[in-house]
Amino acid sequence: MSEKKNYGGPAFPLPPYLPEFQGMTLRDYFAGQAMIILASDYISVEGLDAKKVPGLIAQDVYAIADAMIAEREK
């Protein structure tokens, strides 16, 4: 049985009377912030297949976001 993924809850929670509009998760917010830094690093790598860059960035930024959430839980 796999462990349930912790997405950190809503990044910008709304009042409880609007439960259907919870917005992005904290994990998505952290990933978006990490992407700002990492995207320019990947663009500058010579010889990297441009078609693979978006997938590589996505993997890395979500790994960073997961690490940030794990650190918050300590």
Protein backbone atom coordinates (compact mmCIF):
# COMPACT_ATOMS: atom_id res chain seq x y z
CA MET A 1 0.00 0.00 0.00
CA SER A 2 1.42 3.36 -1.01
CA GLU A 3 1.73 6.30 1.35
CA LYS A 4 -0.54 9.28 0.69
CA LYS A 5 1.29 12.25 -0.84
CA ASN A 6 1.39 15.43 1.22
CA TYR A 7 0.57 18.40 -1.00
CA GLY A 8 0.90 20.87 1.87
CA GLY A 9 -2.72 21.99 1.78
CA PRO A 10 -3.94 25.09 -0.05
CA ALA A 11 -1.35 27.78 -0.77
CA PHE A 12 -3.85 30.59 -0.40
CA PRO A 13 -6.77 29.21 1.60
CA LEU A 14 -10.15 30.82 1.24
CA PRO A 15 -12.86 31.19 3.85
CA PRO A 16 -14.65 27.95 4.78
CA TYR A 17 -17.89 29.15 3.20
CA LEU A 18 -16.19 28.78 -0.23
CA PRO A 19 -14.98 25.14 0.00
CA GLU A 20 -15.18 24.51 -3.75
CA PHE A 21 -12.55 27.19 -4.47
CA GLN A 22 -9.39 26.05 -2.73
CA GLY A 23 -6.90 27.16 -5.40
CA MET A 24 -3.45 25.69 -5.90
CA THR A 25 -1.69 23.52 -3.37
CA LEU A 26 1.31 24.66 -1.40
CA ARG A 27 3.32 22.03 -3.34
CA ASP A 28 2.35 23.68 -6.64
CA TYR A 29 3.22 27.12 -5.26
CA PHE A 30 6.64 25.94 -4.06
CA ALA A 31 7.28 24.28 -7.43
CA GLY A 32 6.37 27.46 -9.27
CA GLN A 33 8.75 29.49 -7.16
CA ALA A 34 11.58 26.98 -7.73
CA MET A 35 10.91 27.03 -11.48
CA ILE A 36 11.79 30.71 -11.65
CA ILE A 37 15.35 29.89 -10.64
CA LEU A 38 15.82 26.54 -12.38
CA ALA A 39 14.42 27.38 -15.81
CA SER A 40 17.27 29.74 -16.63
CA ASP A 41 19.81 27.10 -15.53
CA TYR A 42 18.43 24.53 -17.97
CA ILE A 43 18.23 27.00 -20.85
CA SER A 44 21.94 27.72 -20.52
CA VAL A 45 23.01 24.03 -20.70
CA GLU A 46 24.61 23.46 -24.08
CA GLY A 47 23.74 20.26 -25.92
CA LEU A 48 20.61 19.51 -23.87
CA ASP A 49 17.69 18.25 -25.97
CA ALA A 50 15.17 21.12 -25.90
CA LYS A 51 12.25 18.68 -26.03
CA LYS A 52 13.35 17.14 -22.71
CA VAL A 53 13.84 20.42 -20.86
CA PRO A 54 10.22 20.97 -19.69
CA GLY A 55 10.02 17.44 -18.25
CA LEU A 56 13.37 17.78 -16.52
CA ILE A 57 12.40 21.12 -15.01
CA ALA A 58 9.06 19.72 -13.81
CA GLN A 59 10.74 16.74 -12.14
CA ASP A 60 13.27 18.94 -10.37
CA VAL A 61 10.90 21.65 -9.18
CA TYR A 62 8.46 19.12 -7.71
CA ALA A 63 11.36 17.32 -6.01
CA ILE A 64 12.33 20.66 -4.46
CA ALA A 65 8.71 21.35 -3.46
CA ASP A 66 8.44 17.90 -1.84
CA ALA A 67 11.67 18.55 0.09
CA MET A 68 10.33 21.90 1.27
CA ILE A 69 7.11 20.32 2.51
CA ALA A 70 9.06 17.55 4.26
CA GLU A 71 11.24 20.17 5.95
CA ARG A 72 8.15 22.01 7.19
CA GLU A 73 6.91 18.81 8.81
CA LYS A 74 10.02 18.49 11.01
